[in-house]
C-alpha atoms as a PDB file:
ATOM      1  CA  MET A   1      -0.007   0.015  -0.054  1.00  0.00           C
ATOM      2  CA  LYS A   2       1.368   3.729  -0.879  1.00  0.00           C
ATOM      3  CA  CYS A   3       1.216   6.441   1.193  1.00  0.00           C
ATOM      4  CA  LYS A   4       0.733   9.591  -0.143  1.00  0.00           C
ATOM      5  CA  LEU A   5       2.044  13.089   2.021  1.00  0.00           C
ATOM      6  CA  TRP A   6       0.131  15.957   2.015  1.00  0.00           C
ATOM      7  CA  ARG A   7       1.862  18.986   1.728  1.00  0.00           C
ATOM      8  CA  MET A   8       0.514  22.256   3.127  1.00  0.00           C
ATOM      9  CA  LYS A   9       1.099  25.057   0.399  1.00  0.00           C
ATOM     10  CA  THR A  10       2.229  28.144   1.835  1.00  0.00           C
ATOM     11  CA  ARG A  11       2.217  31.497   0.353  1.00  0.00           C
ATOM     12  CA  ARG A  12       5.046  33.456   0.852  1.00  0.00           C
ATOM     13  CA  PRO A  13       5.184  37.255   0.929  1.00  0.00           C
ATOM     14  CA  PRO A  14       6.881  39.077  -2.360  1.00  0.00           C
ATOM     15  CA  LEU A  15      10.425  40.071  -1.432  1.00  0.00           C
ATOM     16  CA  PRO A  16      10.749  43.747  -1.774  1.00  0.00           C
ATOM     17  CA  ALA A  17      12.144  44.926  -5.195  1.00  0.00           C
ATOM     18  CA  GLN A  18      13.813  48.033  -3.775  1.00  0.00           C
ATOM     19  CA  LEU A  19      15.060  48.660   0.177  1.00  0.00           C
ATOM     20  CA  LEU A  20      15.942  52.238   0.591  1.00  0.00           C
ATOM     21  CA  VAL A  21      16.646  54.869   3.630  1.00  0.00           C
ATOM     22  CA  ARG A  22      14.989  57.886   3.496  1.00  0.00           C
ATOM     23  CA  HIS A  23      14.844  60.542   5.957  1.00  0.00           C
ATOM     24  CA  LEU A  24      11.648  61.474   7.069  1.00  0.00           C
ATOM     25  CA  SER A  25      12.448  65.705   7.274  1.00  0.00           C
ATOM     26  CA  TYR A  26      14.034  66.328   4.264  1.00  0.00           C
ATOM     27  CA  LYS A  27      12.096  63.727   2.467  1.00  0.00           C
ATOM     28  CA  LYS A  28      15.720  62.296   0.457  1.00  0.00           C
ATOM     29  CA  PHE A  29      16.835  59.036  -0.059  1.00  0.00           C
ATOM     30  CA  LEU A  30      20.581  57.882   0.989  1.00  0.00           C
ATOM     31  CA  SER A  31      22.582  57.547  -1.769  1.00  0.00           C
ATOM     32  CA  PRO A  32      25.973  55.146  -1.997  1.00  0.00           C
ATOM     33  CA  ALA A  33      27.632  57.863  -1.366  1.00  0.00           C
ATOM     34  CA  GLY A  34      26.438  58.806   2.262  1.00  0.00           C
ATOM     35  CA  ARG A  35      24.664  61.701   0.767  1.00  0.00           C
ATOM     36  CA  TRP A  36      21.036  62.517   0.988  1.00  0.00           C
ATOM     37  CA  VAL A  37      19.281  62.467  -2.545  1.00  0.00           C
ATOM     38  CA  LYS A  38      15.630  63.680  -4.088  1.00  0.00           C
ATOM     39  CA  ARG A  39      15.288  60.664  -6.371  1.00  0.00           C
ATOM     40  CA  ALA A  40      15.128  57.120  -5.192  1.00  0.00           C
ATOM     41  CA  GLU A  41      16.751  55.938  -8.379  1.00  0.00           C
ATOM     42  CA  THR A  42      19.790  57.618  -7.301  1.00  0.00           C
ATOM     43  CA  ALA A  43      19.486  56.055  -3.787  1.00  0.00           C
ATOM     44  CA  PHE A  44      21.617  53.023  -2.545  1.00  0.00           C
ATOM     45  CA  HIS A  45      19.267  49.775  -2.890  1.00  0.00           C
ATOM     46  CA  PHE A  46      20.179  47.699   0.290  1.00  0.00           C
ATOM     47  CA  PRO A  47      20.340  44.244  -0.407  1.00  0.00           C
ATOM     48  CA  ASN A  48      18.331  43.231   2.639  1.00  0.00           C
ATOM     49  CA  LEU A  49      16.728  44.464   5.968  1.00  0.00           C
ATOM     50  CA  LEU A  50      19.835  43.625   8.445  1.00  0.00           C
ATOM     51  CA  ASN A  51      22.346  45.645   6.164  1.00  0.00           C
ATOM     52  CA  ALA A  52      19.845  48.615   6.048  1.00  0.00           C
ATOM     53  CA  ILE A  53      19.518  48.895  10.083  1.00  0.00           C
ATOM     54  CA  ASN A  54      23.054  47.829  10.596  1.00  0.00           C
ATOM     55  CA  THR A  55      23.877  51.067   8.258  1.00  0.00           C
ATOM     56  CA  CYS A  56      21.560  53.423   9.914  1.00  0.00           C
ATOM     57  CA  LEU A  57      22.582  52.409  13.341  1.00  0.00           C
ATOM     58  CA  GLY A  58      26.164  52.749  12.620  1.00  0.00           C
ATOM     59  CA  ARG A  59      25.972  55.913  11.022  1.00  0.00           C
ATOM     60  CA  GLY A  60      23.829  57.511  13.777  1.00  0.00           C
ATOM     61  CA  LEU A  61      20.859  58.259  11.369  1.00  0.00           C
ATOM     62  CA  GLU A  62      18.005  59.492  13.485  1.00  0.00           C
ATOM     63  CA  ASP A  63      14.835  60.632  11.700  1.00  0.00           C
ATOM     64  CA  VAL A  64      14.873  57.865   9.149  1.00  0.00           C
ATOM     65  CA  GLU A  65      12.551  55.126   7.705  1.00  0.00           C
ATOM     66  CA  LEU A  66      13.231  52.098   5.825  1.00  0.00           C
ATOM     67  CA  ILE A  67      11.242  51.681   2.690  1.00  0.00           C
ATOM     68  CA  LEU A  68      10.074  48.616   0.957  1.00  0.00           C
ATOM     69  CA  ARG A  69       9.011  48.799  -2.660  1.00  0.00           C
ATOM     70  CA  PHE A  70       7.593  45.583  -4.269  1.00  0.00           C
ATOM     71  CA  GLU A  71       7.086  45.497  -8.125  1.00  0.00           C
ATOM     72  CA  GLY A  72       3.903  46.018  -9.796  1.00  0.00           C
ATOM     73  CA  ASN A  73       0.803  47.755  -8.236  1.00  0.00           C
ATOM     74  CA  ARG A  74       1.502  47.040  -4.142  1.00  0.00           C
ATOM     75  CA  ARG A  75       1.904  49.805  -2.026  1.00  0.00           C
ATOM     76  CA  ASP A  76       5.423  50.616  -0.488  1.00  0.00           C
ATOM     77  CA  ARG A  77       6.010  49.452   2.998  1.00  0.00           C
ATOM     78  CA  ARG A  78       7.386  52.239   5.649  1.00  0.00           C
ATOM     79  CA  ILE A  79       9.163  51.053   8.618  1.00  0.00           C
ATOM     80  CA  PRO A  80      10.357  53.941  11.044  1.00  0.00           C
ATOM     81  CA  LEU A  81      13.717  53.121  12.182  1.00  0.00           C
ATOM     82  CA  THR A  82      12.646  53.688  15.816  1.00  0.00           C
ATOM     83  CA  ALA A  83       9.890  50.792  15.506  1.00  0.00           C
ATOM     84  CA  ILE A  84      12.951  48.616  15.239  1.00  0.00           C
ATOM     85  CA  GLN A  85      15.230  49.885  17.978  1.00  0.00           C
END
């Protein structure tokens, strides 16, 4: 007799296409050079949340948020750095 295993299908949340750091007061994004820029296209795209958080904490950045941008028509997710600390 053959036994069939059933697997539960889980839906994984989509990964962000871009992960950015934005200053709340300036409304600008952190660039690869460490300066604040207006356009998200010229901002540094972090590879993961841990890297973005470590960069913010290591540079002593305050009043910033992490922006998770998804492909398609999904809305951006905004995470204030104060919510993580």
